[in-house]
Amino acid sequence: MPVQFTVNTRAFHSDAPSQTPLLWVIREELKLTGTKFGCGAGLCGACMVHIDGKRAFSCQTQLSEVAGRSVTTIEGLSADSSHPVQKAWLAERVPQCGYCQSGQIMSAVDLLKHNPKPTRDEIVEHMSTNICRCGTYQRIVRAVERAAREG
């Protein structure tokens, strides 16, 4: 039985088995490759998306869990990288290898949506769900602070 849901404001349905991780539907069926596979265990945050406006590990979310819900991927934030967090990321030169960045950005957007003026400690705590192999944590924090200021 197909699972129907919305991805980046567009209706979609998948015939994949209901226990299929959302990550694989996003990447393989929708060909939205900004959402990355990192660990497959919800430990690194590379696969972070928003489901009904809250961040979620897409590698740990079964397809059946998004039935009738709204999913936003990094591609859904803006068509031209004009989202305030994306702009702050570029201004602070956060990416090195770039692999984790879509998940980092999705977590930062979630934080600022629910806490528009976070403290440095709140940023560090919230972003601790995301691992950066290159270690750009200082720049990540600065980018979140900039997005909160300039947002």
N, C-alpha and C. Protein backbone atom coordinates (compact mmCIF):
# COMPACT_ATOMS: atom_id res chain seq x y z
N MET A 1 0.84 -1.18 0.00
CA MET A 1 0.00 0.00 0.00
C MET A 1 0.90 1.25 0.00
N PRO A 2 0.71 2.16 -0.94
CA PRO A 2 1.55 3.34 -1.02
C PRO A 2 1.42 4.25 0.21
N VAL A 3 2.54 4.84 0.58
CA VAL A 3 2.55 5.82 1.66
C VAL A 3 2.58 7.20 1.01
N GLN A 4 1.62 8.04 1.39
CA GLN A 4 1.53 9.39 0.82
C GLN A 4 1.98 10.41 1.85
N PHE A 5 2.80 11.35 1.40
CA PHE A 5 3.29 12.41 2.25
C PHE A 5 3.74 13.57 1.36
N THR A 6 4.15 14.65 1.98
CA THR A 6 4.60 15.83 1.25
C THR A 6 6.10 15.98 1.46
N VAL A 7 6.82 16.29 0.38
CA VAL A 7 8.26 16.55 0.47
C VAL A 7 8.51 17.90 -0.19
N ASN A 8 9.03 18.82 0.60
CA ASN A 8 9.34 20.17 0.10
C ASN A 8 8.13 20.79 -0.61
N THR A 9 6.99 20.67 0.02
CA THR A 9 5.68 21.20 -0.40
C THR A 9 5.06 20.48 -1.59
N ARG A 10 5.65 19.39 -2.04
CA ARG A 10 5.07 18.64 -3.17
C ARG A 10 4.56 17.28 -2.69
N ALA A 11 3.35 16.93 -3.13
CA ALA A 11 2.78 15.65 -2.78
C ALA A 11 3.60 14.53 -3.41
N PHE A 12 3.74 13.44 -2.68
CA PHE A 12 4.54 12.31 -3.13
C PHE A 12 3.95 11.04 -2.54
N HIS A 13 4.13 9.94 -3.24
CA HIS A 13 3.78 8.65 -2.65
C HIS A 13 4.87 7.65 -2.99
N SER A 14 5.07 6.72 -2.08
CA SER A 14 6.10 5.70 -2.25
C SER A 14 5.49 4.32 -2.08
N ASP A 15 5.91 3.41 -2.92
CA ASP A 15 5.49 2.02 -2.81
C ASP A 15 6.52 1.17 -2.08
N ALA A 16 7.54 1.81 -1.51
CA ALA A 16 8.57 1.08 -0.77
C ALA A 16 7.93 0.42 0.46
N PRO A 17 8.54 -0.64 0.95
CA PRO A 17 8.03 -1.26 2.19
C PRO A 17 7.94 -0.23 3.31
N SER A 18 6.93 -0.33 4.14
CA SER A 18 6.66 0.69 5.15
C SER A 18 7.79 0.86 6.16
N GLN A 19 8.62 -0.14 6.35
CA GLN A 19 9.72 -0.03 7.30
C GLN A 19 11.00 0.53 6.68
N THR A 20 10.96 0.88 5.39
CA THR A 20 12.12 1.46 4.72
C THR A 20 12.48 2.79 5.39
N PRO A 21 13.77 3.00 5.67
CA PRO A 21 14.16 4.30 6.22
C PRO A 21 13.82 5.44 5.24
N LEU A 22 13.28 6.51 5.78
CA LEU A 22 12.93 7.67 4.96
C LEU A 22 14.12 8.15 4.15
N LEU A 23 15.30 8.08 4.72
CA LEU A 23 16.52 8.51 4.02
C LEU A 23 16.63 7.89 2.64
N TRP A 24 16.36 6.60 2.54
CA TRP A 24 16.52 5.91 1.25
C TRP A 24 15.44 6.30 0.26
N VAL A 25 14.26 6.60 0.74
CA VAL A 25 13.19 7.08 -0.15
C VAL A 25 13.58 8.46 -0.68
N ILE A 26 14.07 9.32 0.20
CA ILE A 26 14.48 10.67 -0.20
C ILE A 26 15.59 10.59 -1.25
N ARG A 27 16.61 9.80 -0.99
CA ARG A 27 17.78 9.76 -1.88
C ARG A 27 17.53 8.95 -3.15
N GLU A 28 16.93 7.78 -3.01
CA GLU A 28 16.81 6.86 -4.15
C GLU A 28 15.57 7.10 -5.00
N GLU A 29 14.44 7.37 -4.39
CA GLU A 29 13.22 7.59 -5.17
C GLU A 29 13.07 9.04 -5.63
N LEU A 30 13.32 9.96 -4.70
CA LEU A 30 13.14 11.37 -5.02
C LEU A 30 14.40 11.99 -5.64
N LYS A 31 15.53 11.30 -5.51
CA LYS A 31 16.81 11.80 -6.05
C LYS A 31 17.22 13.12 -5.42
N LEU A 32 16.83 13.33 -4.16
CA LEU A 32 17.24 14.51 -3.40
C LEU A 32 18.46 14.09 -2.58
N THR A 33 19.63 14.36 -3.10
CA THR A 33 20.86 13.81 -2.52
C THR A 33 21.54 14.74 -1.52
N GLY A 34 20.92 15.86 -1.20
CA GLY A 34 21.49 16.74 -0.18
C GLY A 34 21.44 16.11 1.20
N THR A 35 20.47 15.28 1.46
CA THR A 35 20.37 14.55 2.71
C THR A 35 21.32 13.37 2.62
N LYS A 36 22.27 13.29 3.53
CA LYS A 36 23.36 12.32 3.43
C LYS A 36 23.19 11.12 4.34
N PHE A 37 23.77 10.00 3.92
CA PHE A 37 23.92 8.83 4.78
C PHE A 37 25.25 8.97 5.49
N GLY A 38 25.22 8.93 6.80
CA GLY A 38 26.46 9.00 7.56
C GLY A 38 26.71 7.73 8.32
N CYS A 39 25.88 7.45 9.30
CA CYS A 39 26.11 6.29 10.17
C CYS A 39 24.98 5.26 10.10
N GLY A 40 23.78 5.70 9.75
CA GLY A 40 22.64 4.79 9.71
C GLY A 40 22.07 4.46 11.08
N ALA A 41 22.59 5.11 12.12
CA ALA A 41 22.16 4.80 13.48
C ALA A 41 21.67 6.02 14.26
N GLY A 42 21.48 7.15 13.59
CA GLY A 42 21.01 8.36 14.26
C GLY A 42 22.03 8.95 15.21
N LEU A 43 23.30 8.79 14.88
CA LEU A 43 24.36 9.28 15.76
C LEU A 43 25.15 10.45 15.19
N CYS A 44 25.03 10.70 13.87
CA CYS A 44 25.90 11.73 13.27
C CYS A 44 25.14 12.95 12.76
N GLY A 45 23.88 12.83 12.42
CA GLY A 45 23.08 13.96 11.98
C GLY A 45 23.18 14.32 10.51
N ALA A 46 23.97 13.58 9.73
CA ALA A 46 24.11 13.90 8.31
C ALA A 46 22.78 13.75 7.56
N CYS A 47 21.88 12.95 8.09
CA CYS A 47 20.61 12.67 7.42
C CYS A 47 19.45 13.53 7.91
N MET A 48 19.75 14.59 8.67
CA MET A 48 18.70 15.38 9.31
C MET A 48 17.75 16.04 8.31
N VAL A 49 16.46 15.90 8.57
CA VAL A 49 15.40 16.56 7.81
C VAL A 49 14.42 17.14 8.83
N HIS A 50 13.42 17.82 8.35
CA HIS A 50 12.34 18.29 9.22
C HIS A 50 11.08 17.50 8.87
N ILE A 51 10.39 17.05 9.88
CA ILE A 51 9.10 16.39 9.70
C ILE A 51 8.09 17.21 10.48
N ASP A 52 7.13 17.76 9.76
CA ASP A 52 6.15 18.67 10.37
C ASP A 52 6.84 19.76 11.18
N GLY A 53 7.94 20.28 10.64
CA GLY A 53 8.62 21.41 11.25
C GLY A 53 9.59 21.11 12.36
N LYS A 54 9.83 19.83 12.66
CA LYS A 54 10.78 19.46 13.71
C LYS A 54 11.85 18.56 13.11
N ARG A 55 13.08 18.73 13.56
CA ARG A 55 14.16 17.93 13.00
C ARG A 55 13.99 16.46 13.35
N ALA A 56 14.48 15.62 12.45
CA ALA A 56 14.40 14.17 12.64
C ALA A 56 15.52 13.50 11.86
N PHE A 57 16.03 12.42 12.40
CA PHE A 57 17.02 11.61 11.70
C PHE A 57 16.28 10.77 10.66
N SER A 58 16.50 11.05 9.39
CA SER A 58 15.76 10.31 8.35
C SER A 58 16.22 8.86 8.26
N CYS A 59 17.41 8.55 8.74
CA CYS A 59 17.88 7.16 8.72
C CYS A 59 17.16 6.32 9.76
N GLN A 60 16.58 6.97 10.76
CA GLN A 60 15.88 6.27 11.84
C GLN A 60 14.37 6.40 11.75
N THR A 61 13.87 7.09 10.74
CA THR A 61 12.44 7.30 10.56
C THR A 61 11.94 6.36 9.49
N GLN A 62 11.02 5.49 9.85
CA GLN A 62 10.45 4.57 8.86
C GLN A 62 9.47 5.31 7.97
N LEU A 63 9.38 4.87 6.74
CA LEU A 63 8.47 5.47 5.77
C LEU A 63 7.06 5.56 6.33
N SER A 64 6.60 4.54 7.01
CA SER A 64 5.24 4.53 7.56
C SER A 64 5.01 5.68 8.54
N GLU A 65 6.06 6.19 9.17
CA GLU A 65 5.94 7.26 10.16
C GLU A 65 5.65 8.62 9.54
N VAL A 66 5.87 8.76 8.23
CA VAL A 66 5.63 10.06 7.59
C VAL A 66 4.33 10.10 6.79
N ALA A 67 3.54 9.05 6.85
CA ALA A 67 2.27 9.03 6.13
C ALA A 67 1.42 10.24 6.52
N GLY A 68 1.01 11.02 5.52
CA GLY A 68 0.18 12.19 5.74
C GLY A 68 0.91 13.39 6.34
N ARG A 69 2.22 13.29 6.46
CA ARG A 69 3.00 14.36 7.09
C ARG A 69 3.80 15.15 6.06
N SER A 70 4.44 16.21 6.53
CA SER A 70 5.23 17.08 5.68
C SER A 70 6.72 16.93 6.01
N VAL A 71 7.52 16.64 4.99
CA VAL A 71 8.97 16.48 5.14
C VAL A 71 9.65 17.62 4.39
N THR A 72 10.65 18.21 5.03
CA THR A 72 11.46 19.23 4.37
C THR A 72 12.90 18.76 4.39
N THR A 73 13.53 18.77 3.22
CA THR A 73 14.94 18.43 3.10
C THR A 73 15.73 19.72 2.89
N ILE A 74 17.04 19.62 2.85
CA ILE A 74 17.88 20.80 2.62
C ILE A 74 17.47 21.50 1.32
N GLU A 75 17.07 20.75 0.31
CA GLU A 75 16.65 21.34 -0.96
C GLU A 75 15.38 22.17 -0.80
N GLY A 76 14.60 21.90 0.22
CA GLY A 76 13.35 22.61 0.44
C GLY A 76 13.48 23.91 1.23
N LEU A 77 14.66 24.18 1.78
CA LEU A 77 14.83 25.43 2.53
C LEU A 77 14.74 26.64 1.61
N SER A 78 15.45 26.57 0.49
CA SER A 78 15.39 27.65 -0.51
C SER A 78 15.98 27.12 -1.81
N ALA A 79 15.48 27.64 -2.89
CA ALA A 79 15.96 27.20 -4.21
C ALA A 79 17.32 27.80 -4.55
N ASP A 80 17.67 28.90 -3.89
CA ASP A 80 18.88 29.63 -4.26
C ASP A 80 19.82 29.91 -3.08
N SER A 81 19.73 29.11 -2.05
CA SER A 81 20.58 29.27 -0.85
C SER A 81 20.37 30.62 -0.16
N SER A 82 19.17 31.16 -0.25
CA SER A 82 18.89 32.46 0.34
C SER A 82 18.32 32.38 1.76
N HIS A 83 18.16 31.17 2.28
CA HIS A 83 17.69 31.04 3.66
C HIS A 83 18.74 31.68 4.58
N PRO A 84 18.31 32.40 5.62
CA PRO A 84 19.27 33.08 6.50
C PRO A 84 20.37 32.17 7.06
N VAL A 85 20.04 30.95 7.38
CA VAL A 85 21.07 30.04 7.91
C VAL A 85 22.05 29.67 6.80
N GLN A 86 21.57 29.41 5.61
CA GLN A 86 22.47 29.11 4.51
C GLN A 86 23.39 30.29 4.22
N LYS A 87 22.85 31.50 4.25
CA LYS A 87 23.66 32.70 4.03
C LYS A 87 24.72 32.85 5.12
N ALA A 88 24.35 32.61 6.35
CA ALA A 88 25.30 32.70 7.47
C ALA A 88 26.39 31.63 7.32
N TRP A 89 26.01 30.45 6.86
CA TRP A 89 26.98 29.36 6.66
C TRP A 89 28.06 29.78 5.66
N LEU A 90 27.61 30.41 4.59
CA LEU A 90 28.56 30.88 3.58
C LEU A 90 29.41 32.03 4.10
N ALA A 91 28.78 32.96 4.79
CA ALA A 91 29.51 34.13 5.31
C ALA A 91 30.58 33.71 6.31
N GLU A 92 30.31 32.69 7.10
CA GLU A 92 31.27 32.21 8.11
C GLU A 92 32.22 31.14 7.56
N ARG A 93 32.04 30.81 6.29
CA ARG A 93 32.89 29.80 5.64
C ARG A 93 32.95 28.49 6.43
N VAL A 94 31.77 28.00 6.78
CA VAL A 94 31.68 26.80 7.60
C VAL A 94 32.19 25.56 6.88
N PRO A 95 31.74 25.26 5.66
CA PRO A 95 32.08 23.96 5.08
C PRO A 95 33.55 23.79 4.75
N GLN A 96 34.03 22.58 5.00
CA GLN A 96 35.32 22.16 4.47
C GLN A 96 35.00 21.04 3.48
N CYS A 97 34.86 19.82 3.96
CA CYS A 97 34.49 18.75 3.01
C CYS A 97 33.03 18.90 2.61
N GLY A 98 32.21 19.44 3.50
CA GLY A 98 30.81 19.72 3.20
C GLY A 98 29.85 18.57 3.44
N TYR A 99 30.33 17.39 3.75
CA TYR A 99 29.45 16.22 3.84
C TYR A 99 28.36 16.39 4.89
N CYS A 100 28.69 16.90 6.03
CA CYS A 100 27.72 17.00 7.12
C CYS A 100 26.86 18.26 7.06
N GLN A 101 27.18 19.16 6.17
CA GLN A 101 26.61 20.50 6.23
C GLN A 101 25.09 20.55 6.08
N SER A 102 24.51 19.73 5.23
CA SER A 102 23.05 19.80 5.11
C SER A 102 22.38 19.41 6.42
N GLY A 103 22.89 18.40 7.08
CA GLY A 103 22.34 18.02 8.38
C GLY A 103 22.57 19.07 9.44
N GLN A 104 23.75 19.69 9.41
CA GLN A 104 24.06 20.77 10.35
C GLN A 104 23.08 21.92 10.15
N ILE A 105 22.89 22.31 8.90
CA ILE A 105 22.00 23.43 8.59
C ILE A 105 20.57 23.11 9.03
N MET A 106 20.11 21.89 8.76
CA MET A 106 18.74 21.53 9.16
C MET A 106 18.58 21.58 10.68
N SER A 107 19.60 21.19 11.42
CA SER A 107 19.53 21.30 12.88
C SER A 107 19.53 22.75 13.32
N ALA A 108 20.37 23.57 12.70
CA ALA A 108 20.42 24.99 13.05
C ALA A 108 19.09 25.68 12.77
N VAL A 109 18.49 25.37 11.64
CA VAL A 109 17.18 25.96 11.30
C VAL A 109 16.14 25.55 12.35
N ASP A 110 16.17 24.30 12.77
CA ASP A 110 15.25 23.82 13.80
C ASP A 110 15.45 24.60 15.10
N LEU A 111 16.70 24.78 15.50
CA LEU A 111 16.99 25.52 16.72
C LEU A 111 16.42 26.93 16.66
N LEU A 112 16.74 27.63 15.57
CA LEU A 112 16.33 29.04 15.47
C LEU A 112 14.82 29.20 15.30
N LYS A 113 14.18 28.19 14.76
CA LYS A 113 12.71 28.24 14.66
C LYS A 113 12.08 28.18 16.05
N HIS A 114 12.65 27.35 16.91
CA HIS A 114 12.08 27.16 18.24
C HIS A 114 12.72 28.05 19.30
N ASN A 115 13.87 28.63 18.99
CA ASN A 115 14.58 29.50 19.94
C ASN A 115 15.33 30.54 19.12
N PRO A 116 14.69 31.64 18.72
CA PRO A 116 15.29 32.60 17.80
C PRO A 116 16.54 33.32 18.31
N LYS A 117 16.73 33.36 19.61
CA LYS A 117 17.89 34.04 20.19
C LYS A 117 18.61 33.13 21.19
N PRO A 118 19.16 32.02 20.71
CA PRO A 118 19.81 31.09 21.64
C PRO A 118 21.13 31.63 22.17
N THR A 119 21.49 31.18 23.36
CA THR A 119 22.81 31.48 23.91
C THR A 119 23.82 30.56 23.24
N ARG A 120 25.09 30.87 23.42
CA ARG A 120 26.15 30.02 22.87
C ARG A 120 26.01 28.59 23.41
N ASP A 121 25.75 28.46 24.71
CA ASP A 121 25.60 27.13 25.31
C ASP A 121 24.41 26.38 24.71
N GLU A 122 23.32 27.08 24.45
CA GLU A 122 22.15 26.44 23.84
C GLU A 122 22.47 25.99 22.41
N ILE A 123 23.24 26.77 21.70
CA ILE A 123 23.64 26.39 20.34
C ILE A 123 24.49 25.12 20.40
N VAL A 124 25.49 25.13 21.25
CA VAL A 124 26.39 23.97 21.37
C VAL A 124 25.59 22.73 21.74
N GLU A 125 24.69 22.86 22.70
CA GLU A 125 23.88 21.71 23.13
C GLU A 125 23.01 21.19 22.00
N HIS A 126 22.30 22.09 21.34
CA HIS A 126 21.39 21.67 20.26
C HIS A 126 22.16 21.03 19.10
N MET A 127 23.28 21.61 18.75
CA MET A 127 24.05 21.12 17.61
C MET A 127 24.87 19.88 17.94
N SER A 128 24.87 19.44 19.18
CA SER A 128 25.66 18.26 19.57
C SER A 128 25.14 16.98 18.94
N THR A 129 23.96 17.01 18.33
CA THR A 129 23.43 15.83 17.64
C THR A 129 24.09 15.63 16.28
N ASN A 130 24.88 16.61 15.85
CA ASN A 130 25.51 16.57 14.53
C ASN A 130 27.02 16.52 14.66
N ILE A 131 27.64 15.61 13.94
CA ILE A 131 29.09 15.46 13.95
C ILE A 131 29.67 16.05 12.67
N CYS A 132 30.75 16.80 12.84
CA CYS A 132 31.49 17.34 11.71
C CYS A 132 32.87 16.67 11.70
N ARG A 133 33.13 15.88 10.68
CA ARG A 133 34.41 15.17 10.60
C ARG A 133 35.59 16.13 10.47
N CYS A 134 35.34 17.31 9.91
CA CYS A 134 36.42 18.29 9.70
C CYS A 134 36.65 19.16 10.93
N GLY A 135 35.73 19.12 11.89
CA GLY A 135 35.91 19.87 13.12
C GLY A 135 35.65 21.36 13.01
N THR A 136 34.71 21.77 12.18
CA THR A 136 34.43 23.20 12.02
C THR A 136 33.42 23.71 13.04
N TYR A 137 33.45 23.16 14.23
CA TYR A 137 32.46 23.50 15.24
C TYR A 137 32.44 24.98 15.61
N GLN A 138 33.61 25.62 15.70
CA GLN A 138 33.64 27.05 16.03
C GLN A 138 32.91 27.87 14.96
N ARG A 139 33.13 27.53 13.70
CA ARG A 139 32.48 28.25 12.61
C ARG A 139 30.98 27.96 12.59
N ILE A 140 30.61 26.74 12.92
CA ILE A 140 29.19 26.38 12.99
C ILE A 140 28.49 27.25 14.04
N VAL A 141 29.07 27.35 15.21
CA VAL A 141 28.48 28.17 16.27
C VAL A 141 28.39 29.62 15.82
N ARG A 142 29.45 30.14 15.22
CA ARG A 142 29.43 31.53 14.73
C ARG A 142 28.34 31.73 13.68
N ALA A 143 28.16 30.75 12.81
CA ALA A 143 27.13 30.86 11.77
C ALA A 143 25.73 30.88 12.38
N VAL A 144 25.50 30.05 13.38
CA VAL A 144 24.19 30.05 14.05
C VAL A 144 23.98 31.39 14.76
N GLU A 145 25.01 31.89 15.41
CA GLU A 145 24.89 33.20 16.07
C GLU A 145 24.60 34.29 15.04
N ARG A 146 25.26 34.25 13.89
CA ARG A 146 25.04 35.24 12.85
C ARG A 146 23.61 35.15 12.31
N ALA A 147 23.15 33.94 12.06
CA ALA A 147 21.78 33.76 11.56
C ALA A 147 20.77 34.27 12.57
N ALA A 148 21.04 34.08 13.85
CA ALA A 148 20.13 34.58 14.89
C ALA A 148 20.11 36.11 14.90
N ARG A 149 21.27 36.72 14.70
CA ARG A 149 21.37 38.19 14.67
C ARG A 149 20.75 38.78 13.43
N GLU A 150 21.08 38.19 12.28
CA GLU A 150 20.71 38.79 10.99
C GLU A 150 19.43 38.24 10.39
N GLY A 151 19.04 37.04 10.89
CA GLY A 151 17.92 36.27 10.40
C GLY A 151 16.84 36.93 9.72
